[in-house]
Structure formats: structure tokens, C-alpha cells
Amino acid sequence: HNGKFTIPQSLDKLVAKECPQDNITILEIKPIHAINVGSLPLQHKDPFDRMIITQGNMENLMIVTSDVIFQKYDVSVLL
């Protein structure tokens, strides 16, 4: 096992079914998010994680993660 989870159906079908019934809103990447990624300190090099950090900060959202490095940023984190 490679440590990654599997889902029993295609991701697009899963999202279309589960998001509305669980009251989940998909957060789009806005141009301002992409611009502000560059202003983050380089404590984390993963570009996807940096985007999550930027969106959490700009949209005033809490990030749920097991990655403790997120705590080094000015963003609300639930470990």
C-alpha cells in the first residue's frame, strides 16, 4: 500500500454527489490568490500547500492538516 486512499468512483462523480449533500463549497483559485502566493515566506516549498495557505489566509478559513509546518504561517490551523 502506497499510503494514498482510493475512492470507489470517479472524483467528478464523487464531488458532484457529496458536496451538495454535505454542504461543501468548492473554493476556486482566484488570480489574487496566485499573485499572493509569492508573498509567502519560503518555509514550505510545496506549491499546492502554499496555495492552500494563501487561500486560508485570504479567505479567513481554517486549514485542517497533519502537516505542522503550516503553523509557521499566519493562518488558522487545526492539526
PDB file of N, CA and C in Angstrom:
ATOM      1  N   HIS A   1       0.846  -1.187   0.000  1.00  0.00           N
ATOM      2  CA  HIS A   1       0.000   0.000   0.000  1.00  0.00           C
ATOM      3  C   HIS A   1       0.876   1.228   0.000  1.00  0.00           C
ATOM      4  N   ASN A   2       0.563   2.185  -0.859  1.00  0.00           N
ATOM      5  CA  ASN A   2       1.408   3.378  -1.009  1.00  0.00           C
ATOM      6  C   ASN A   2       1.037   4.531  -0.085  1.00  0.00           C
ATOM      7  N   GLY A   3       0.086   4.334   0.825  1.00  0.00           N
ATOM      8  CA  GLY A   3      -0.288   5.369   1.778  1.00  0.00           C
ATOM      9  C   GLY A   3      -1.329   6.336   1.261  1.00  0.00           C
ATOM     10  N   LYS A   4      -1.794   6.145   0.038  1.00  0.00           N
ATOM     11  CA  LYS A   4      -2.812   7.019  -0.526  1.00  0.00           C
ATOM     12  C   LYS A   4      -4.152   6.304  -0.493  1.00  0.00           C
ATOM     13  N   PHE A   5      -5.215   7.076  -0.325  1.00  0.00           N
ATOM     14  CA  PHE A   5      -6.527   6.468  -0.271  1.00  0.00           C
ATOM     15  C   PHE A   5      -7.096   6.312  -1.672  1.00  0.00           C
ATOM     16  N   THR A   6      -8.006   5.394  -1.811  1.00  0.00           N
ATOM     17  CA  THR A   6      -8.692   5.195  -3.084  1.00  0.00           C
ATOM     18  C   THR A   6     -10.173   5.492  -2.891  1.00  0.00           C
ATOM     19  N   ILE A   7     -10.816   5.880  -3.967  1.00  0.00           N
ATOM     20  CA  ILE A   7     -12.251   6.151  -3.910  1.00  0.00           C
ATOM     21  C   ILE A   7     -12.949   5.203  -4.887  1.00  0.00           C
ATOM     22  N   PRO A   8     -14.159   4.793  -4.555  1.00  0.00           N
ATOM     23  CA  PRO A   8     -14.845   3.780  -5.355  1.00  0.00           C
ATOM     24  C   PRO A   8     -15.446   4.288  -6.664  1.00  0.00           C
ATOM     25  N   GLN A   9     -15.392   5.577  -6.921  1.00  0.00           N
ATOM     26  CA  GLN A   9     -15.958   6.139  -8.143  1.00  0.00           C
ATOM     27  C   GLN A   9     -15.075   7.271  -8.631  1.00  0.00           C
ATOM     28  N   SER A  10     -15.368   7.794  -9.815  1.00  0.00           N
ATOM     29  CA  SER A  10     -14.558   8.888 -10.339  1.00  0.00           C
ATOM     30  C   SER A  10     -14.707  10.114  -9.438  1.00  0.00           C
ATOM     31  N   LEU A  11     -13.671  10.906  -9.377  1.00  0.00           N
ATOM     32  CA  LEU A  11     -13.663  12.077  -8.499  1.00  0.00           C
ATOM     33  C   LEU A  11     -14.759  13.065  -8.872  1.00  0.00           C
ATOM     34  N   ASP A  12     -14.995  13.281 -10.165  1.00  0.00           N
ATOM     35  CA  ASP A  12     -16.030  14.237 -10.555  1.00  0.00           C
ATOM     36  C   ASP A  12     -17.414  13.785 -10.104  1.00  0.00           C
ATOM     37  N   LYS A  13     -17.697  12.488 -10.159  1.00  0.00           N
ATOM     38  CA  LYS A  13     -18.987  11.968  -9.680  1.00  0.00           C
ATOM     39  C   LYS A  13     -19.079  12.071  -8.165  1.00  0.00           C
ATOM     40  N   LEU A  14     -17.986  11.788  -7.482  1.00  0.00           N
ATOM     41  CA  LEU A  14     -17.974  11.885  -6.025  1.00  0.00           C
ATOM     42  C   LEU A  14     -18.232  13.315  -5.571  1.00  0.00           C
ATOM     43  N   VAL A  15     -17.542  14.267  -6.179  1.00  0.00           N
ATOM     44  CA  VAL A  15     -17.709  15.684  -5.824  1.00  0.00           C
ATOM     45  C   VAL A  15     -19.129  16.146  -6.129  1.00  0.00           C
ATOM     46  N   ALA A  16     -19.640  15.794  -7.312  1.00  0.00           N
ATOM     47  CA  ALA A  16     -20.995  16.211  -7.695  1.00  0.00           C
ATOM     48  C   ALA A  16     -22.042  15.661  -6.737  1.00  0.00           C
ATOM     49  N   LYS A  17     -21.816  14.461  -6.215  1.00  0.00           N
ATOM     50  CA  LYS A  17     -22.787  13.834  -5.308  1.00  0.00           C
ATOM     51  C   LYS A  17     -22.629  14.325  -3.867  1.00  0.00           C
ATOM     52  N   GLU A  18     -21.411  14.304  -3.355  1.00  0.00           N
ATOM     53  CA  GLU A  18     -21.168  14.530  -1.931  1.00  0.00           C
ATOM     54  C   GLU A  18     -21.162  16.000  -1.520  1.00  0.00           C
ATOM     55  N   CYS A  19     -20.630  16.871  -2.336  1.00  0.00           N
ATOM     56  CA  CYS A  19     -20.520  18.275  -1.926  1.00  0.00           C
ATOM     57  C   CYS A  19     -21.866  18.911  -1.602  1.00  0.00           C
ATOM     58  N   PRO A  20     -22.862  18.802  -2.484  1.00  0.00           N
ATOM     59  CA  PRO A  20     -24.149  19.426  -2.143  1.00  0.00           C
ATOM     60  C   PRO A  20     -24.798  18.818  -0.898  1.00  0.00           C
ATOM     61  N   GLN A  21     -24.735  17.499  -0.756  1.00  0.00           N
ATOM     62  CA  GLN A  21     -25.415  16.882   0.395  1.00  0.00           C
ATOM     63  C   GLN A  21     -24.677  17.128   1.700  1.00  0.00           C
ATOM     64  N   ASP A  22     -23.376  17.403   1.649  1.00  0.00           N
ATOM     65  CA  ASP A  22     -22.611  17.695   2.854  1.00  0.00           C
ATOM     66  C   ASP A  22     -22.388  19.192   3.053  1.00  0.00           C
ATOM     67  N   ASN A  23     -23.049  20.005   2.217  1.00  0.00           N
ATOM     68  CA  ASN A  23     -22.954  21.456   2.298  1.00  0.00           C
ATOM     69  C   ASN A  23     -21.506  21.942   2.158  1.00  0.00           C
ATOM     70  N   ILE A  24     -20.791  21.350   1.215  1.00  0.00           N
ATOM     71  CA  ILE A  24     -19.395  21.706   0.951  1.00  0.00           C
ATOM     72  C   ILE A  24     -19.346  22.625  -0.261  1.00  0.00           C
ATOM     73  N   THR A  25     -18.618  23.721  -0.127  1.00  0.00           N
ATOM     74  CA  THR A  25     -18.427  24.663  -1.220  1.00  0.00           C
ATOM     75  C   THR A  25     -17.003  24.513  -1.732  1.00  0.00           C
ATOM     76  N   ILE A  26     -16.857  24.408  -3.035  1.00  0.00           N
ATOM     77  CA  ILE A  26     -15.536  24.311  -3.647  1.00  0.00           C
ATOM     78  C   ILE A  26     -14.947  25.721  -3.736  1.00  0.00           C
ATOM     79  N   LEU A  27     -13.758  25.895  -3.200  1.00  0.00           N
ATOM     80  CA  LEU A  27     -13.085  27.193  -3.230  1.00  0.00           C
ATOM     81  C   LEU A  27     -12.231  27.275  -4.492  1.00  0.00           C
ATOM     82  N   GLU A  28     -12.574  28.190  -5.354  1.00  0.00           N
ATOM     83  CA  GLU A  28     -11.830  28.363  -6.600  1.00  0.00           C
ATOM     84  C   GLU A  28     -10.539  29.130  -6.357  1.00  0.00           C
ATOM     85  N   ILE A  29      -9.561  28.858  -7.187  1.00  0.00           N
ATOM     86  CA  ILE A  29      -8.318  29.630  -7.143  1.00  0.00           C
ATOM     87  C   ILE A  29      -8.538  30.894  -7.964  1.00  0.00           C
ATOM     88  N   LYS A  30      -8.442  32.028  -7.289  1.00  0.00           N
ATOM     89  CA  LYS A  30      -8.624  33.323  -7.940  1.00  0.00           C
ATOM     90  C   LYS A  30      -7.259  33.887  -8.319  1.00  0.00           C
ATOM     91  N   PRO A  31      -7.214  34.766  -9.313  1.00  0.00           N
ATOM     92  CA  PRO A  31      -5.932  35.380  -9.673  1.00  0.00           C
ATOM     93  C   PRO A  31      -5.230  36.027  -8.483  1.00  0.00           C
ATOM     94  N   ILE A  32      -5.984  36.653  -7.583  1.00  0.00           N
ATOM     95  CA  ILE A  32      -5.368  37.302  -6.422  1.00  0.00           C
ATOM     96  C   ILE A  32      -4.704  36.285  -5.502  1.00  0.00           C
ATOM     97  N   HIS A  33      -5.234  35.073  -5.438  1.00  0.00           N
ATOM     98  CA  HIS A  33      -4.583  34.019  -4.658  1.00  0.00           C
ATOM     99  C   HIS A  33      -3.223  33.700  -5.276  1.00  0.00           C
ATOM    100  N   ALA A  34      -3.217  33.511  -6.595  1.00  0.00           N
ATOM    101  CA  ALA A  34      -1.968  33.178  -7.284  1.00  0.00           C
ATOM    102  C   ALA A  34      -0.922  34.269  -7.119  1.00  0.00           C
ATOM    103  N   ILE A  35      -1.362  35.507  -7.173  1.00  0.00           N
ATOM    104  CA  ILE A  35      -0.432  36.637  -7.008  1.00  0.00           C
ATOM    105  C   ILE A  35       0.152  36.642  -5.597  1.00  0.00           C
ATOM    106  N   ASN A  36      -0.674  36.378  -4.602  1.00  0.00           N
ATOM    107  CA  ASN A  36      -0.225  36.466  -3.213  1.00  0.00           C
ATOM    108  C   ASN A  36       0.596  35.277  -2.732  1.00  0.00           C
ATOM    109  N   VAL A  37       0.596  34.176  -3.472  1.00  0.00           N
ATOM    110  CA  VAL A  37       1.449  33.042  -3.096  1.00  0.00           C
ATOM    111  C   VAL A  37       2.902  33.498  -3.024  1.00  0.00           C
ATOM    112  N   GLY A  38       3.284  34.374  -3.939  1.00  0.00           N
ATOM    113  CA  GLY A  38       4.662  34.853  -3.982  1.00  0.00           C
ATOM    114  C   GLY A  38       5.076  35.672  -2.773  1.00  0.00           C
ATOM    115  N   SER A  39       4.125  36.169  -2.011  1.00  0.00           N
ATOM    116  CA  SER A  39       4.467  36.976  -0.840  1.00  0.00           C
ATOM    117  C   SER A  39       4.691  36.130   0.416  1.00  0.00           C
ATOM    118  N   LEU A  40       4.406  34.826   0.333  1.00  0.00           N
ATOM    119  CA  LEU A  40       4.642  33.958   1.496  1.00  0.00           C
ATOM    120  C   LEU A  40       6.132  33.744   1.713  1.00  0.00           C
ATOM    121  N   PRO A  41       6.570  33.663   2.965  1.00  0.00           N
ATOM    122  CA  PRO A  41       7.968  33.300   3.213  1.00  0.00           C
ATOM    123  C   PRO A  41       8.199  31.863   2.742  1.00  0.00           C
ATOM    124  N   LEU A  42       9.416  31.575   2.345  1.00  0.00           N
ATOM    125  CA  LEU A  42       9.730  30.240   1.802  1.00  0.00           C
ATOM    126  C   LEU A  42      10.019  29.220   2.906  1.00  0.00           C
ATOM    127  N   GLN A  43       9.051  28.988   3.780  1.00  0.00           N
ATOM    128  CA  GLN A  43       9.197  27.977   4.819  1.00  0.00           C
ATOM    129  C   GLN A  43       8.675  26.635   4.332  1.00  0.00           C
ATOM    130  N   HIS A  44       7.974  26.665   3.230  1.00  0.00           N
ATOM    131  CA  HIS A  44       7.358  25.464   2.679  1.00  0.00           C
ATOM    132  C   HIS A  44       7.457  25.582   1.163  1.00  0.00           C
ATOM    133  N   LYS A  45       8.022  24.580   0.504  1.00  0.00           N
ATOM    134  CA  LYS A  45       8.266  24.689  -0.936  1.00  0.00           C
ATOM    135  C   LYS A  45       7.195  24.038  -1.798  1.00  0.00           C
ATOM    136  N   ASP A  46       6.283  23.288  -1.214  1.00  0.00           N
ATOM    137  CA  ASP A  46       5.244  22.626  -1.992  1.00  0.00           C
ATOM    138  C   ASP A  46       4.266  23.675  -2.533  1.00  0.00           C
ATOM    139  N   PRO A  47       4.170  23.841  -3.862  1.00  0.00           N
ATOM    140  CA  PRO A  47       3.317  24.910  -4.411  1.00  0.00           C
ATOM    141  C   PRO A  47       1.835  24.726  -4.089  1.00  0.00           C
ATOM    142  N   PHE A  48       1.367  23.505  -3.995  1.00  0.00           N
ATOM    143  CA  PHE A  48      -0.040  23.269  -3.676  1.00  0.00           C
ATOM    144  C   PHE A  48      -0.333  23.644  -2.222  1.00  0.00           C
ATOM    145  N   ASP A  49       0.553  23.271  -1.331  1.00  0.00           N
ATOM    146  CA  ASP A  49       0.378  23.658   0.073  1.00  0.00           C
ATOM    147  C   ASP A  49       0.461  25.172   0.238  1.00  0.00           C
ATOM    148  N   ARG A  50       1.335  25.807  -0.509  1.00  0.00           N
ATOM    149  CA  ARG A  50       1.447  27.265  -0.436  1.00  0.00           C
ATOM    150  C   ARG A  50       0.163  27.936  -0.905  1.00  0.00           C
ATOM    151  N   MET A  51      -0.492  27.346  -1.919  1.00  0.00           N
ATOM    152  CA  MET A  51      -1.770  27.884  -2.386  1.00  0.00           C
ATOM    153  C   MET A  51      -2.836  27.707  -1.311  1.00  0.00           C
ATOM    154  N   ILE A  52      -2.859  26.554  -0.652  1.00  0.00           N
ATOM    155  CA  ILE A  52      -3.820  26.314   0.430  1.00  0.00           C
ATOM    156  C   ILE A  52      -3.606  27.323   1.560  1.00  0.00           C
ATOM    157  N   ILE A  53      -2.357  27.568   1.901  1.00  0.00           N
ATOM    158  CA  ILE A  53      -2.033  28.534   2.958  1.00  0.00           C
ATOM    159  C   ILE A  53      -2.515  29.930   2.555  1.00  0.00           C
ATOM    160  N   THR A  54      -2.240  30.326   1.325  1.00  0.00           N
ATOM    161  CA  THR A  54      -2.664  31.639   0.840  1.00  0.00           C
ATOM    162  C   THR A  54      -4.178  31.771   0.863  1.00  0.00           C
ATOM    163  N   GLN A  55      -4.876  30.753   0.372  1.00  0.00           N
ATOM    164  CA  GLN A  55      -6.339  30.813   0.361  1.00  0.00           C
ATOM    165  C   GLN A  55      -6.899  30.850   1.784  1.00  0.00           C
ATOM    166  N   GLY A  56      -6.340  30.050   2.664  1.00  0.00           N
ATOM    167  CA  GLY A  56      -6.788  30.070   4.054  1.00  0.00           C
ATOM    168  C   GLY A  56      -6.638  31.446   4.667  1.00  0.00           C
ATOM    169  N   ASN A  57      -5.515  32.059   4.404  1.00  0.00           N
ATOM    170  CA  ASN A  57      -5.245  33.393   4.935  1.00  0.00           C
ATOM    171  C   ASN A  57      -6.175  34.431   4.335  1.00  0.00           C
ATOM    172  N   MET A  58      -6.270  34.467   3.017  1.00  0.00           N
ATOM    173  CA  MET A  58      -7.046  35.500   2.336  1.00  0.00           C
ATOM    174  C   MET A  58      -8.553  35.340   2.521  1.00  0.00           C
ATOM    175  N   GLU A  59      -9.017  34.103   2.649  1.00  0.00           N
ATOM    176  CA  GLU A  59     -10.455  33.852   2.770  1.00  0.00           C
ATOM    177  C   GLU A  59     -10.881  33.635   4.220  1.00  0.00           C
ATOM    178  N   ASN A  60      -9.937  33.824   5.154  1.00  0.00           N
ATOM    179  CA  ASN A  60     -10.215  33.675   6.583  1.00  0.00           C
ATOM    180  C   ASN A  60     -10.795  32.291   6.909  1.00  0.00           C
ATOM    181  N   LEU A  61     -10.097  31.257   6.423  1.00  0.00           N
ATOM    182  CA  LEU A  61     -10.524  29.876   6.609  1.00  0.00           C
ATOM    183  C   LEU A  61      -9.534  29.123   7.489  1.00  0.00           C
ATOM    184  N   MET A  62     -10.005  28.107   8.166  1.00  0.00           N
ATOM    185  CA  MET A  62      -9.139  27.243   8.956  1.00  0.00           C
ATOM    186  C   MET A  62      -8.681  26.090   8.070  1.00  0.00           C
ATOM    187  N   ILE A  63      -7.401  25.768   8.148  1.00  0.00           N
ATOM    188  CA  ILE A  63      -6.843  24.654   7.391  1.00  0.00           C
ATOM    189  C   ILE A  63      -6.748  23.445   8.307  1.00  0.00           C
ATOM    190  N   VAL A  64      -7.299  22.341   7.846  1.00  0.00           N
ATOM    191  CA  VAL A  64      -7.232  21.085   8.597  1.00  0.00           C
ATOM    192  C   VAL A  64      -6.137  20.251   7.949  1.00  0.00           C
ATOM    193  N   THR A  65      -5.086  19.941   8.719  1.00  0.00           N
ATOM    194  CA  THR A  65      -3.933  19.228   8.177  1.00  0.00           C
ATOM    195  C   THR A  65      -3.186  18.517   9.297  1.00  0.00           C
ATOM    196  N   SER A  66      -2.372  17.572   8.914  1.00  0.00           N
ATOM    197  CA  SER A  66      -1.475  16.939   9.887  1.00  0.00           C
ATOM    198  C   SER A  66      -0.044  17.468   9.721  1.00  0.00           C
ATOM    199  N   ASP A  67       0.149  18.386   8.783  1.00  0.00           N
ATOM    200  CA  ASP A  67       1.464  18.949   8.487  1.00  0.00           C
ATOM    201  C   ASP A  67       1.740  20.141   9.407  1.00  0.00           C
ATOM    202  N   VAL A  68       2.626  19.955  10.378  1.00  0.00           N
ATOM    203  CA  VAL A  68       2.900  21.000  11.376  1.00  0.00           C
ATOM    204  C   VAL A  68       3.560  22.243  10.791  1.00  0.00           C
ATOM    205  N   ILE A  69       4.139  22.146   9.610  1.00  0.00           N
ATOM    206  CA  ILE A  69       4.802  23.315   9.022  1.00  0.00           C
ATOM    207  C   ILE A  69       3.806  24.434   8.713  1.00  0.00           C
ATOM    208  N   PHE A  70       2.520  24.088   8.543  1.00  0.00           N
ATOM    209  CA  PHE A  70       1.504  25.106   8.292  1.00  0.00           C
ATOM    210  C   PHE A  70       1.425  26.097   9.450  1.00  0.00           C
ATOM    211  N   GLN A  71       1.780  25.666  10.648  1.00  0.00           N
ATOM    212  CA  GLN A  71       1.721  26.539  11.826  1.00  0.00           C
ATOM    213  C   GLN A  71       2.728  27.677  11.758  1.00  0.00           C
ATOM    214  N   LYS A  72       3.712  27.585  10.873  1.00  0.00           N
ATOM    215  CA  LYS A  72       4.712  28.638  10.743  1.00  0.00           C
ATOM    216  C   LYS A  72       4.167  29.854  10.003  1.00  0.00           C
ATOM    217  N   TYR A  73       2.987  29.716   9.430  1.00  0.00           N
ATOM    218  CA  TYR A  73       2.389  30.796   8.657  1.00  0.00           C
ATOM    219  C   TYR A  73       1.272  31.466   9.442  1.00  0.00           C
ATOM    220  N   ASP A  74       0.918  32.650   9.001  1.00  0.00           N
ATOM    221  CA  ASP A  74      -0.145  33.415   9.633  1.00  0.00           C
ATOM    222  C   ASP A  74      -1.492  32.932   9.089  1.00  0.00           C
ATOM    223  N   VAL A  75      -1.878  31.727   9.516  1.00  0.00           N
ATOM    224  CA  VAL A  75      -3.122  31.116   9.065  1.00  0.00           C
ATOM    225  C   VAL A  75      -3.646  30.222  10.185  1.00  0.00           C
ATOM    226  N   SER A  76      -4.958  30.133  10.280  1.00  0.00           N
ATOM    227  CA  SER A  76      -5.579  29.301  11.301  1.00  0.00           C
ATOM    228  C   SER A  76      -5.462  27.821  10.893  1.00  0.00           C
ATOM    229  N   VAL A  77      -4.943  26.998  11.818  1.00  0.00           N
ATOM    230  CA  VAL A  77      -4.687  25.585  11.514  1.00  0.00           C
ATOM    231  C   VAL A  77      -5.289  24.704  12.589  1.00  0.00           C
ATOM    232  N   LEU A  78      -5.921  23.623  12.160  1.00  0.00           N
ATOM    233  CA  LEU A  78      -6.402  22.573  13.057  1.00  0.00           C
ATOM    234  C   LEU A  78      -5.621  21.320  12.723  1.00  0.00           C
ATOM    235  N   LEU A  79      -4.783  20.886  13.654  1.00  0.00           N
ATOM    236  CA  LEU A  79      -3.968  19.678  13.420  1.00  0.00           C
ATOM    237  C   LEU A  79      -4.712  18.435  13.838  1.00  0.00           C
TER     238      LEU A  79
END
